[in-house]
PDB file of N, CA and C in Angstrom:
ATOM      1  N   MET A   1     -49.170 -16.899 -80.104  1.00  0.00           N
ATOM      2  CA  MET A   1     -49.017 -15.530 -80.582  1.00  0.00           C
ATOM      3  C   MET A   1     -48.432 -14.596 -79.598  1.00  0.00           C
ATOM      4  N   PRO A   2     -47.191 -14.070 -79.688  1.00  0.00           N
ATOM      5  CA  PRO A   2     -46.535 -13.210 -78.648  1.00  0.00           C
ATOM      6  C   PRO A   2     -47.189 -11.978 -78.743  1.00  0.00           C
ATOM      7  N   VAL A   3     -47.436 -11.270 -77.489  1.00  0.00           N
ATOM      8  CA  VAL A   3     -47.922  -9.875 -77.432  1.00  0.00           C
ATOM      9  C   VAL A   3     -46.939  -9.163 -76.608  1.00  0.00           C
ATOM     10  N   ILE A   4     -46.407  -8.080 -77.170  1.00  0.00           N
ATOM     11  CA  ILE A   4     -45.569  -7.161 -76.366  1.00  0.00           C
ATOM     12  C   ILE A   4     -46.279  -5.881 -76.043  1.00  0.00           C
ATOM     13  N   ARG A   5     -46.339  -5.611 -74.653  1.00  0.00           N
ATOM     14  CA  ARG A   5     -46.995  -4.289 -74.262  1.00  0.00           C
ATOM     15  C   ARG A   5     -45.905  -3.370 -73.786  1.00  0.00           C
ATOM     16  N   VAL A   6     -45.901  -2.184 -74.298  1.00  0.00           N
ATOM     17  CA  VAL A   6     -44.894  -1.141 -74.078  1.00  0.00           C
ATOM     18  C   VAL A   6     -45.689  -0.001 -73.446  1.00  0.00           C
ATOM     19  N   SER A   7     -45.345   0.440 -72.166  1.00  0.00           N
ATOM     20  CA  SER A   7     -45.914   1.482 -71.533  1.00  0.00           C
ATOM     21  C   SER A   7     -44.847   2.536 -71.450  1.00  0.00           C
ATOM     22  N   PHE A   8     -45.282   3.782 -71.705  1.00  0.00           N
ATOM     23  CA  PHE A   8     -44.525   5.065 -71.591  1.00  0.00           C
ATOM     24  C   PHE A   8     -45.409   6.322 -71.676  1.00  0.00           C
ATOM     25  N   LEU A   9     -44.682   7.285 -71.265  1.00  0.00           N
ATOM     26  CA  LEU A   9     -45.330   8.656 -71.156  1.00  0.00           C
ATOM     27  C   LEU A   9     -45.678   9.098 -72.511  1.00  0.00           C
ATOM     28  N   LYS A  10     -46.860   9.858 -72.649  1.00  0.00           N
ATOM     29  CA  LYS A  10     -47.274  10.445 -73.930  1.00  0.00           C
ATOM     30  C   LYS A  10     -46.171  11.303 -74.451  1.00  0.00           C
ATOM     31  N   GLY A  11     -46.196  11.341 -75.931  1.00  0.00           N
ATOM     32  CA  GLY A  11     -45.026  12.291 -76.381  1.00  0.00           C
ATOM     33  C   GLY A  11     -44.278  11.651 -77.531  1.00  0.00           C
ATOM     34  N   ARG A  12     -44.551  10.356 -77.699  1.00  0.00           N
ATOM     35  CA  ARG A  12     -43.713   9.712 -78.801  1.00  0.00           C
ATOM     36  C   ARG A  12     -44.419   9.894 -80.097  1.00  0.00           C
ATOM     37  N   SER A  13     -43.715  10.202 -81.181  1.00  0.00           N
ATOM     38  CA  SER A  13     -44.247  10.451 -82.515  1.00  0.00           C
ATOM     39  C   SER A  13     -44.740   8.991 -83.078  1.00  0.00           C
ATOM     40  N   ARG A  14     -45.595   9.163 -84.073  1.00  0.00           N
ATOM     41  CA  ARG A  14     -46.095   8.068 -84.881  1.00  0.00           C
ATOM     42  C   ARG A  14     -45.013   7.202 -85.530  1.00  0.00           C
ATOM     43  N   GLN A  15     -43.973   8.029 -85.988  1.00  0.00           N
ATOM     44  CA  GLN A  15     -42.757   7.417 -86.684  1.00  0.00           C
ATOM     45  C   GLN A  15     -41.948   6.584 -85.620  1.00  0.00           C
ATOM     46  N   GLN A  16     -41.794   7.242 -84.467  1.00  0.00           N
ATOM     47  CA  GLN A  16     -41.108   6.457 -83.309  1.00  0.00           C
ATOM     48  C   GLN A  16     -41.730   5.297 -82.992  1.00  0.00           C
ATOM     49  N   LYS A  17     -43.128   5.174 -82.965  1.00  0.00           N
ATOM     50  CA  LYS A  17     -43.801   3.878 -82.488  1.00  0.00           C
ATOM     51  C   LYS A  17     -43.763   2.881 -83.602  1.00  0.00           C
ATOM     52  N   ALA A  18     -43.824   3.464 -84.882  1.00  0.00           N
ATOM     53  CA  ALA A  18     -43.687   2.521 -85.988  1.00  0.00           C
ATOM     54  C   ALA A  18     -42.347   1.834 -86.045  1.00  0.00           C
ATOM     55  N   GLU A  19     -41.252   2.674 -85.791  1.00  0.00           N
ATOM     56  CA  GLU A  19     -39.946   2.000 -85.870  1.00  0.00           C
ATOM     57  C   GLU A  19     -39.771   1.054 -84.643  1.00  0.00           C
ATOM     58  N   ALA A  20     -40.320   1.404 -83.471  1.00  0.00           N
ATOM     59  CA  ALA A  20     -40.197   0.470 -82.368  1.00  0.00           C
ATOM     60  C   ALA A  20     -40.901  -0.818 -82.578  1.00  0.00           C
ATOM     61  N   ALA A  21     -42.206  -0.634 -83.103  1.00  0.00           N
ATOM     62  CA  ALA A  21     -42.987  -1.865 -83.460  1.00  0.00           C
ATOM     63  C   ALA A  21     -42.197  -2.754 -84.439  1.00  0.00           C
ATOM     64  N   GLU A  22     -41.554  -2.175 -85.353  1.00  0.00           N
ATOM     65  CA  GLU A  22     -40.700  -3.027 -86.329  1.00  0.00           C
ATOM     66  C   GLU A  22     -39.594  -3.692 -85.573  1.00  0.00           C
ATOM     67  N   ALA A  23     -38.840  -2.966 -84.732  1.00  0.00           N
ATOM     68  CA  ALA A  23     -37.749  -3.443 -84.040  1.00  0.00           C
ATOM     69  C   ALA A  23     -38.063  -4.713 -83.086  1.00  0.00           C
ATOM     70  N   LEU A  24     -39.061  -4.271 -82.300  1.00  0.00           N
ATOM     71  CA  LEU A  24     -39.610  -5.238 -81.332  1.00  0.00           C
ATOM     72  C   LEU A  24     -40.013  -6.616 -82.005  1.00  0.00           C
ATOM     73  N   THR A  25     -40.804  -6.499 -83.086  1.00  0.00           N
ATOM     74  CA  THR A  25     -41.113  -7.656 -83.881  1.00  0.00           C
ATOM     75  C   THR A  25     -40.087  -8.344 -84.449  1.00  0.00           C
ATOM     76  N   ALA A  26     -38.981  -7.613 -85.002  1.00  0.00           N
ATOM     77  CA  ALA A  26     -37.833  -8.366 -85.526  1.00  0.00           C
ATOM     78  C   ALA A  26     -36.983  -9.051 -84.440  1.00  0.00           C
ATOM     79  N   ALA A  27     -37.145  -8.504 -83.181  1.00  0.00           N
ATOM     80  CA  ALA A  27     -36.433  -9.226 -81.976  1.00  0.00           C
ATOM     81  C   ALA A  27     -37.067 -10.472 -81.637  1.00  0.00           C
ATOM     82  N   LEU A  28     -38.367 -10.530 -81.706  1.00  0.00           N
ATOM     83  CA  LEU A  28     -39.046 -11.746 -81.407  1.00  0.00           C
ATOM     84  C   LEU A  28     -38.891 -12.831 -82.574  1.00  0.00           C
ATOM     85  N   VAL A  29     -38.909 -12.299 -83.845  1.00  0.00           N
ATOM     86  CA  VAL A  29     -38.640 -13.253 -84.879  1.00  0.00           C
ATOM     87  C   VAL A  29     -37.111 -13.853 -84.689  1.00  0.00           C
ATOM     88  N   ASP A  30     -36.136 -12.964 -84.409  1.00  0.00           N
ATOM     89  CA  ASP A  30     -34.695 -13.448 -84.283  1.00  0.00           C
ATOM     90  C   ASP A  30     -34.477 -14.219 -83.153  1.00  0.00           C
ATOM     91  N   HIS A  31     -35.081 -13.940 -81.927  1.00  0.00           N
ATOM     92  CA  HIS A  31     -34.724 -14.624 -80.731  1.00  0.00           C
ATOM     93  C   HIS A  31     -35.609 -15.874 -80.432  1.00  0.00           C
ATOM     94  N   PHE A  32     -36.929 -15.755 -80.822  1.00  0.00           N
ATOM     95  CA  PHE A  32     -37.874 -16.925 -80.587  1.00  0.00           C
ATOM     96  C   PHE A  32     -38.294 -17.629 -81.717  1.00  0.00           C
ATOM     97  N   GLY A  33     -37.987 -17.169 -82.962  1.00  0.00           N
ATOM     98  CA  GLY A  33     -38.452 -17.856 -84.174  1.00  0.00           C
ATOM     99  C   GLY A  33     -39.971 -17.639 -84.380  1.00  0.00           C
ATOM    100  N   SER A  34     -40.409 -16.522 -83.867  1.00  0.00           N
ATOM    101  CA  SER A  34     -41.781 -16.122 -84.189  1.00  0.00           C
ATOM    102  C   SER A  34     -42.084 -15.707 -85.592  1.00  0.00           C
ATOM    103  N   LYS A  35     -43.210 -15.841 -86.093  1.00  0.00           N
ATOM    104  CA  LYS A  35     -43.518 -15.342 -87.431  1.00  0.00           C
ATOM    105  C   LYS A  35     -43.890 -13.858 -87.248  1.00  0.00           C
ATOM    106  N   PRO A  36     -43.452 -12.935 -88.084  1.00  0.00           N
ATOM    107  CA  PRO A  36     -43.945 -11.547 -87.858  1.00  0.00           C
ATOM    108  C   PRO A  36     -45.313 -11.322 -87.930  1.00  0.00           C
ATOM    109  N   GLU A  37     -46.115 -12.093 -88.574  1.00  0.00           N
ATOM    110  CA  GLU A  37     -47.623 -11.782 -88.741  1.00  0.00           C
ATOM    111  C   GLU A  37     -48.319 -12.443 -87.366  1.00  0.00           C
ATOM    112  N   ASP A  38     -47.588 -13.034 -86.551  1.00  0.00           N
ATOM    113  CA  ASP A  38     -48.159 -13.529 -85.242  1.00  0.00           C
ATOM    114  C   ASP A  38     -47.658 -12.648 -84.080  1.00  0.00           C
ATOM    115  N   VAL A  39     -46.876 -11.591 -84.263  1.00  0.00           N
ATOM    116  CA  VAL A  39     -46.408 -10.818 -83.292  1.00  0.00           C
ATOM    117  C   VAL A  39     -47.223  -9.600 -83.036  1.00  0.00           C
ATOM    118  N   THR A  40     -47.833  -9.247 -82.003  1.00  0.00           N
ATOM    119  CA  THR A  40     -48.607  -8.002 -81.722  1.00  0.00           C
ATOM    120  C   THR A  40     -47.852  -7.136 -80.677  1.00  0.00           C
ATOM    121  N   VAL A  41     -47.797  -5.804 -81.035  1.00  0.00           N
ATOM    122  CA  VAL A  41     -47.279  -4.771 -80.207  1.00  0.00           C
ATOM    123  C   VAL A  41     -48.255  -3.807 -79.898  1.00  0.00           C
ATOM    124  N   VAL A  42     -48.500  -3.595 -78.542  1.00  0.00           N
ATOM    125  CA  VAL A  42     -49.461  -2.570 -77.966  1.00  0.00           C
ATOM    126  C   VAL A  42     -48.880  -1.532 -77.354  1.00  0.00           C
ATOM    127  N   PHE A  43     -48.917  -0.255 -77.709  1.00  0.00           N
ATOM    128  CA  PHE A  43     -48.428   0.923 -76.968  1.00  0.00           C
ATOM    129  C   PHE A  43     -49.467   1.331 -76.019  1.00  0.00           C
ATOM    130  N   ASP A  44     -48.968   1.560 -74.921  1.00  0.00           N
ATOM    131  CA  ASP A  44     -49.904   2.059 -73.749  1.00  0.00           C
ATOM    132  C   ASP A  44     -49.298   3.326 -73.176  1.00  0.00           C
ATOM    133  N   GLU A  45     -49.933   4.455 -73.812  1.00  0.00           N
ATOM    134  CA  GLU A  45     -49.485   5.699 -73.480  1.00  0.00           C
ATOM    135  C   GLU A  45     -50.154   6.295 -72.332  1.00  0.00           C
ATOM    136  N   LYS A  46     -49.441   6.952 -71.408  1.00  0.00           N
ATOM    137  CA  LYS A  46     -50.015   7.486 -70.231  1.00  0.00           C
ATOM    138  C   LYS A  46     -49.690   9.048 -70.039  1.00  0.00           C
ATOM    139  N   ALA A  47     -50.448   9.672 -69.385  1.00  0.00           N
ATOM    140  CA  ALA A  47     -50.045  11.133 -69.203  1.00  0.00           C
ATOM    141  C   ALA A  47     -49.336  11.202 -67.900  1.00  0.00           C
ATOM    142  N   ARG A  48     -48.802  12.119 -67.657  1.00  0.00           N
ATOM    143  CA  ARG A  48     -47.698  12.282 -66.433  1.00  0.00           C
ATOM    144  C   ARG A  48     -48.501  12.248 -65.118  1.00  0.00           C
ATOM    145  N   GLU A  49     -49.810  12.626 -65.200  1.00  0.00           N
ATOM    146  CA  GLU A  49     -50.665  12.621 -63.897  1.00  0.00           C
ATOM    147  C   GLU A  49     -51.245  11.147 -63.651  1.00  0.00           C
ATOM    148  N   ASP A  50     -50.955  10.249 -64.701  1.00  0.00           N
ATOM    149  CA  ASP A  50     -51.410   8.878 -64.682  1.00  0.00           C
ATOM    150  C   ASP A  50     -50.237   7.881 -64.091  1.00  0.00           C
ATOM    151  N   TRP A  51     -49.057   8.412 -63.946  1.00  0.00           N
ATOM    152  CA  TRP A  51     -47.983   7.645 -63.660  1.00  0.00           C
ATOM    153  C   TRP A  51     -47.214   8.149 -62.366  1.00  0.00           C
ATOM    154  N   ALA A  52     -46.997   7.241 -61.447  1.00  0.00           N
ATOM    155  CA  ALA A  52     -46.327   7.605 -60.195  1.00  0.00           C
ATOM    156  C   ALA A  52     -45.199   6.777 -59.965  1.00  0.00           C
ATOM    157  N   ILE A  53     -44.088   7.285 -59.365  1.00  0.00           N
ATOM    158  CA  ILE A  53     -42.883   6.463 -59.067  1.00  0.00           C
ATOM    159  C   ILE A  53     -42.483   6.931 -57.615  1.00  0.00           C
ATOM    160  N   ALA A  54     -42.240   6.071 -56.703  1.00  0.00           N
ATOM    161  CA  ALA A  54     -41.985   6.242 -55.385  1.00  0.00           C
ATOM    162  C   ALA A  54     -43.018   7.057 -54.622  1.00  0.00           C
ATOM    163  N   GLY A  55     -44.312   6.697 -54.891  1.00  0.00           N
ATOM    164  CA  GLY A  55     -45.469   7.455 -54.336  1.00  0.00           C
ATOM    165  C   GLY A  55     -45.717   8.852 -54.859  1.00  0.00           C
ATOM    166  N   LYS A  56     -45.025   9.307 -55.940  1.00  0.00           N
ATOM    167  CA  LYS A  56     -45.303  10.573 -56.371  1.00  0.00           C
ATOM    168  C   LYS A  56     -45.639  10.685 -57.762  1.00  0.00           C
ATOM    169  N   LEU A  57     -46.869  11.366 -58.080  1.00  0.00           N
ATOM    170  CA  LEU A  57     -47.102  11.588 -59.532  1.00  0.00           C
ATOM    171  C   LEU A  57     -46.022  12.176 -60.272  1.00  0.00           C
ATOM    172  N   LEU A  58     -45.709  11.762 -61.468  1.00  0.00           N
ATOM    173  CA  LEU A  58     -44.765  12.480 -62.325  1.00  0.00           C
ATOM    174  C   LEU A  58     -45.138  13.959 -62.614  1.00  0.00           C
ATOM    175  N   SER A  59     -46.340  14.196 -62.698  1.00  0.00           N
ATOM    176  CA  SER A  59     -46.880  15.610 -62.831  1.00  0.00           C
ATOM    177  C   SER A  59     -46.557  16.502 -61.689  1.00  0.00           C
ATOM    178  N   GLN A  60     -46.178  15.973 -60.496  1.00  0.00           N
ATOM    179  CA  GLN A  60     -45.721  16.724 -59.383  1.00  0.00           C
ATOM    180  C   GLN A  60     -44.303  17.174 -59.355  1.00  0.00           C
ATOM    181  N   GLU A  61     -43.471  16.584 -60.349  1.00  0.00           N
ATOM    182  CA  GLU A  61     -42.178  16.949 -60.354  1.00  0.00           C
ATOM    183  C   GLU A  61     -41.802  18.133 -61.112  1.00  0.00           C
TER     184      GLU A  61
END
């Protein structure tokens, strides 16, 4: 059972996530031969103060 975890900053709409889940599922079906019902997509949304790049919180930029 493939699991895809997608991490990003908060702000995507429900529609954007629905479309991404559909596209990611289709990609695993096409490339790996997975059954759609076996693919799980988990969206991990973070606030800017919960994400740092090069030692700096994104909320500091």
